[in-house]
Amino acid sequence: MVKTSYSNNIFIRFKRTFIGDRKFYKTVMALVIPIIIQNSITNFVNLLDNIMVGQVGTAQMSGVAIANQLMFVFNLAVFGGLAGAGIFGAQFFGAGDNDGVRYTFRYKLWTAA
């Protein structure tokens, strides 16, 4: 009997430490779902471009595919720059450094614009 309660205690500590609670996951999903929808729409539009231009010819199809690849790389670069600044912003916020949060927010606005 002692072994069972000890293993339950470890499971509860593990769950509390590494998994979190439902409120956290609801907050994360509220942030993630719009990002997933936006990326899905972008990829779907690129697919439709390829399908429509694919009926015209091979050279035109190659041009659209190259443009879509460049847009993908651009989106990755912007996302990487904003995600990196978000990490610094979270660290500044956790340390109580309001000026650091303000500067990272400014950087994110400049990068996104």
Protein backbone atom coordinates (compact mmCIF):
# COMPACT_ATOMS: atom_id res chain seq x y z
CA MET A 1 0.00 0.00 0.00
CA VAL A 2 2.83 2.41 0.82
CA LYS A 3 4.35 1.89 -2.60
CA THR A 4 1.11 2.87 -4.36
CA SER A 5 0.70 6.16 -2.49
CA TYR A 6 4.36 7.01 -3.08
CA SER A 7 3.98 6.41 -6.84
CA ASN A 8 0.79 8.50 -6.88
CA ASN A 9 2.65 11.29 -5.09
CA ILE A 10 5.42 11.19 -7.70
CA PHE A 11 2.87 11.25 -10.51
CA ILE A 12 1.08 14.24 -8.98
CA ARG A 13 4.38 16.13 -8.55
CA PHE A 14 5.43 15.26 -12.11
CA LYS A 15 2.08 16.40 -13.49
CA ARG A 16 2.15 19.66 -11.54
CA THR A 17 5.78 20.39 -12.51
CA PHE A 18 5.95 19.37 -16.17
CA ILE A 19 2.41 19.17 -17.54
CA GLY A 20 0.54 22.05 -15.93
CA ASP A 21 -3.15 22.69 -15.56
CA ARG A 22 -6.10 23.13 -17.93
CA LYS A 23 -6.13 26.92 -17.64
CA PHE A 24 -2.59 27.09 -19.04
CA TYR A 25 -3.48 24.88 -22.01
CA LYS A 26 -6.64 26.89 -22.72
CA THR A 27 -4.51 30.04 -22.85
CA VAL A 28 -1.96 28.39 -25.12
CA MET A 29 -4.64 27.07 -27.44
CA ALA A 30 -6.24 30.52 -27.62
CA LEU A 31 -2.90 31.76 -28.97
CA VAL A 32 -2.05 28.78 -31.16
CA ILE A 33 -5.36 28.26 -33.00
CA PRO A 34 -5.29 31.63 -34.86
CA ILE A 35 -1.67 30.99 -35.89
CA ILE A 36 -2.58 27.55 -37.21
CA ILE A 37 -5.53 28.99 -39.14
CA GLN A 38 -3.41 31.77 -40.65
CA ASN A 39 -0.66 29.37 -41.76
CA SER A 40 -3.24 26.97 -43.18
CA ILE A 41 -4.86 29.73 -45.22
CA THR A 42 -1.47 30.87 -46.53
CA ASN A 43 -0.50 27.35 -47.57
CA PHE A 44 -3.91 26.76 -49.14
CA VAL A 45 -3.62 29.95 -51.21
CA ASN A 46 -0.16 28.85 -52.38
CA LEU A 47 -1.63 25.46 -53.34
CA LEU A 48 -4.43 27.15 -55.29
CA ASP A 49 -1.86 29.32 -57.09
CA ASN A 50 0.04 26.21 -58.11
CA ILE A 51 -3.13 24.47 -59.30
CA MET A 52 -4.38 27.45 -61.33
CA VAL A 53 -1.05 28.23 -62.94
CA GLY A 54 -0.32 24.55 -63.49
CA GLN A 55 -3.01 24.53 -66.18
CA VAL A 56 -1.19 27.28 -68.11
CA GLY A 57 2.23 25.74 -68.56
CA THR A 58 5.42 24.39 -67.08
CA ALA A 59 7.44 27.61 -67.12
CA GLN A 60 4.69 29.57 -65.41
CA MET A 61 4.29 26.79 -62.85
CA SER A 62 8.00 26.94 -62.06
CA GLY A 63 7.80 30.70 -61.56
CA VAL A 64 4.90 30.42 -59.10
CA ALA A 65 6.64 27.60 -57.22
CA ILE A 66 9.81 29.67 -56.85
CA ALA A 67 7.81 32.69 -55.65
CA ASN A 68 6.01 30.50 -53.09
CA GLN A 69 9.33 29.19 -51.82
CA LEU A 70 10.64 32.73 -51.41
CA MET A 71 7.49 33.71 -49.51
CA PHE A 72 7.95 30.69 -47.25
CA VAL A 73 11.54 31.69 -46.46
CA PHE A 74 10.41 35.27 -45.81
CA ASN A 75 7.70 34.06 -43.42
CA LEU A 76 10.24 31.90 -41.59
CA ALA A 77 12.63 34.83 -41.22
CA VAL A 78 9.94 37.14 -39.86
CA PHE A 79 8.63 34.48 -37.48
CA GLY A 80 12.16 33.72 -36.26
CA GLY A 81 12.89 37.39 -35.59
CA LEU A 82 9.63 37.88 -33.72
CA ALA A 83 9.93 34.66 -31.73
CA GLY A 84 13.45 35.55 -30.61
CA ALA A 85 12.31 38.95 -29.44
CA GLY A 86 9.38 37.29 -27.67
CA ILE A 87 11.79 35.17 -25.64
CA PHE A 88 13.73 38.24 -24.56
CA GLY A 89 10.48 40.04 -23.76
CA ALA A 90 9.37 37.18 -21.53
CA GLN A 91 12.70 37.23 -19.70
CA PHE A 92 12.51 40.99 -19.18
CA PHE A 93 8.93 40.69 -17.96
CA GLY A 94 9.89 37.95 -15.52
CA ALA A 95 12.74 40.09 -14.18
CA GLY A 96 10.43 43.09 -13.79
CA ASP A 97 12.42 45.15 -16.32
CA ASN A 98 9.72 47.30 -17.93
CA ASP A 99 12.19 49.17 -20.12
CA GLY A 100 13.42 45.89 -21.59
CA VAL A 101 9.84 44.81 -22.31
CA ARG A 102 9.19 48.16 -23.96
CA TYR A 103 12.31 47.89 -26.15
CA THR A 104 11.55 44.34 -27.25
CA PHE A 105 7.97 45.33 -28.05
CA ARG A 106 9.27 48.22 -30.15
CA TYR A 107 11.65 45.86 -31.94
CA LYS A 108 8.79 43.48 -32.68
CA LEU A 109 6.69 46.31 -34.10
CA TRP A 110 9.54 47.44 -36.35
CA THR A 111 10.25 43.88 -37.49
CA ALA A 112 6.60 43.13 -38.27
CA ALA A 113 6.10 46.40 -40.13
